């Protein structure tokens, strides 16, 4: 990763796992009205309550691999069956935040198809910078 000194983090890749689709704000807005999609805020609750995308659901990056059922997967013994999974639009704090890339790697490791994951690397940093609507105190 490339260090981003101003933000104190490391610049994340646009495609954290091969097969994942990078997206921007327009695709996030479209996904919010698509019943086959979920826009997932993968930050921890302390960040989410400060402001998030309206209509997004909160699943912390540390929990997403164990909560694949909320994304349309079914547990089959020790494995997940994700053939009926929804499209997941994942985001976190912004281009230097590792939370959603870590979650995406855990999801695909546990059987979630990479081609059903859409990564909004800009995250809340870009969303806020563009002046798009946010809601606060959402869990």
Protein backbone atom coordinates (compact mmCIF):
# COMPACT_ATOMS: atom_id res chain seq x y z
CA UNK A 1 0.00 0.00 0.00
CA UNK A 2 1.07 3.56 -0.63
CA UNK A 3 1.28 5.75 2.47
CA UNK A 4 -1.01 8.78 2.50
CA UNK A 5 0.61 11.03 5.10
CA UNK A 6 -2.09 13.70 5.15
CA UNK A 7 -4.77 11.18 6.16
CA UNK A 8 -2.57 8.92 8.25
CA UNK A 9 -3.42 5.78 6.32
CA UNK A 10 -2.44 3.77 3.28
CA UNK A 11 -4.03 4.23 -0.11
CA UNK A 12 -6.16 1.18 -0.86
CA UNK A 13 -6.31 -0.52 -4.26
CA UNK A 14 -9.29 0.27 -6.50
CA UNK A 15 -9.90 -3.48 -6.81
CA UNK A 16 -9.10 -5.16 -3.48
CA UNK A 17 -9.83 -8.67 -4.83
CA UNK A 18 -9.86 -9.73 -8.49
CA UNK A 19 -13.41 -9.71 -9.82
CA UNK A 20 -14.65 -6.90 -7.53
CA UNK A 21 -16.18 -3.93 -9.38
CA UNK A 22 -15.06 -0.39 -8.47
CA UNK A 23 -17.96 2.08 -8.38
CA UNK A 24 -18.66 5.76 -7.78
CA UNK A 25 -21.43 7.82 -6.33
CA UNK A 26 -23.90 7.37 -9.21
CA UNK A 27 -23.75 3.58 -8.84
CA UNK A 28 -24.27 3.86 -5.07
CA UNK A 29 -27.34 6.04 -5.62
CA UNK A 30 -28.74 3.54 -8.15
CA UNK A 31 -28.03 0.59 -5.82
CA UNK A 32 -30.05 2.22 -3.05
CA UNK A 33 -33.21 1.70 -5.11
CA UNK A 34 -32.30 -1.77 -6.40
CA UNK A 35 -33.99 -4.51 -4.35
CA UNK A 36 -31.29 -6.98 -5.42
CA UNK A 37 -28.54 -4.80 -3.95
CA UNK A 38 -27.39 -3.78 -0.49
CA UNK A 39 -25.27 -0.73 0.23
CA UNK A 40 -23.19 -1.76 3.24
CA UNK A 41 -21.35 0.60 5.55
CA UNK A 42 -18.52 -1.62 6.78
CA UNK A 43 -17.17 0.84 9.35
CA UNK A 44 -17.54 0.26 13.05
CA UNK A 45 -20.57 1.76 14.79
CA UNK A 46 -18.51 4.64 16.26
CA UNK A 47 -17.86 5.96 12.75
CA UNK A 48 -21.30 5.14 11.36
CA UNK A 49 -23.17 7.23 13.95
CA UNK A 50 -21.19 10.32 12.88
CA UNK A 51 -22.73 10.12 9.41
CA UNK A 52 -23.55 7.53 6.79
CA UNK A 53 -25.26 7.13 3.44
CA UNK A 54 -29.06 7.14 3.86
CA UNK A 55 -30.49 3.68 3.20
CA UNK A 56 -27.21 1.88 3.82
CA UNK A 57 -27.01 -0.97 6.31
CA UNK A 58 -24.28 -1.22 8.90
CA UNK A 59 -22.27 -4.41 9.11
CA UNK A 60 -18.85 -3.80 10.69
CA UNK A 61 -15.88 -5.13 8.75
CA UNK A 62 -14.98 -7.39 11.69
CA UNK A 63 -18.40 -9.10 11.51
CA UNK A 64 -19.31 -9.30 7.83
CA UNK A 65 -17.82 -12.77 7.20
CA UNK A 66 -19.95 -14.23 10.00
CA UNK A 67 -23.07 -12.38 8.84
CA UNK A 68 -23.16 -13.43 5.18
CA UNK A 69 -26.74 -14.61 5.77
CA UNK A 70 -27.72 -10.93 5.85
CA UNK A 71 -26.33 -10.62 2.32
CA UNK A 72 -28.38 -13.50 0.91
CA UNK A 73 -26.08 -16.45 1.65
CA UNK A 74 -27.09 -19.62 3.47
CA UNK A 75 -24.92 -21.57 5.88
CA UNK A 76 -24.41 -25.18 4.83
CA UNK A 77 -22.42 -26.91 7.56
CA UNK A 78 -19.16 -25.02 7.88
CA UNK A 79 -19.50 -23.42 4.42
CA UNK A 80 -21.60 -20.61 2.97
CA UNK A 81 -23.74 -21.06 -0.15
CA UNK A 82 -23.91 -17.66 -1.81
CA UNK A 83 -25.53 -18.54 -5.13
CA UNK A 84 -28.57 -16.36 -4.27
CA UNK A 85 -26.53 -13.54 -2.71
CA UNK A 86 -27.43 -9.93 -3.33
CA UNK A 87 -25.05 -7.48 -4.95
CA UNK A 88 -23.10 -5.80 -2.15
CA UNK A 89 -21.94 -2.20 -2.50
CA UNK A 90 -19.25 -1.87 0.18
CA UNK A 91 -17.77 1.32 1.58
CA UNK A 92 -15.92 2.65 4.61
CA UNK A 93 -14.18 5.95 5.47
CA UNK A 94 -12.42 6.65 2.18
CA UNK A 95 -9.49 5.86 -0.11
CA UNK A 96 -7.02 5.22 2.75
CA UNK A 97 -9.40 3.19 4.94
CA UNK A 98 -8.61 -0.55 5.03
CA UNK A 99 -11.89 -1.66 6.65
CA UNK A 100 -14.01 -2.53 3.62
CA UNK A 101 -11.07 -4.04 1.66
CA UNK A 102 -10.39 -6.29 4.69
CA UNK A 103 -14.08 -7.26 4.80
CA UNK A 104 -14.14 -7.94 1.05
CA UNK A 105 -11.15 -10.26 1.38
CA UNK A 106 -12.86 -12.10 4.27
CA UNK A 107 -16.14 -12.37 2.33
CA UNK A 108 -14.51 -13.88 -0.75
CA UNK A 109 -12.38 -16.19 1.39
CA UNK A 110 -15.57 -17.57 2.92
CA UNK A 111 -17.37 -18.10 -0.38
CA UNK A 112 -19.00 -14.79 -1.35
CA UNK A 113 -18.58 -14.30 -5.12
CA UNK A 114 -16.23 -11.41 -5.94
CA UNK A 115 -18.30 -10.48 -8.99
CA UNK A 116 -21.24 -9.60 -6.71
CA UNK A 117 -19.15 -7.09 -4.76
CA UNK A 118 -19.01 -3.43 -5.75
CA UNK A 119 -16.42 -1.34 -3.93
CA UNK A 120 -16.88 2.39 -3.37
CA UNK A 121 -13.33 3.31 -2.40
CA UNK A 122 -14.20 7.00 -2.07
CA UNK A 123 -16.35 6.13 0.93
CA UNK A 124 -17.62 8.73 3.37
CA UNK A 125 -14.69 11.07 2.69
CA UNK A 126 -15.71 11.58 -0.95
CA UNK A 127 -19.45 11.36 -0.20
CA UNK A 128 -19.17 14.20 2.31
CA UNK A 129 -16.78 16.24 0.13
CA UNK A 130 -19.38 16.17 -2.64
CA UNK A 131 -22.05 17.43 -0.26
CA UNK A 132 -24.26 14.37 -0.69
CA UNK A 133 -26.95 13.66 1.89
CA UNK A 134 -25.89 11.93 5.09
CA UNK A 135 -27.79 10.71 8.13
CA UNK A 136 -26.39 10.69 11.66
CA UNK A 137 -27.01 8.46 14.65
CA UNK A 138 -27.80 5.41 12.48
CA UNK A 139 -26.60 2.02 13.70
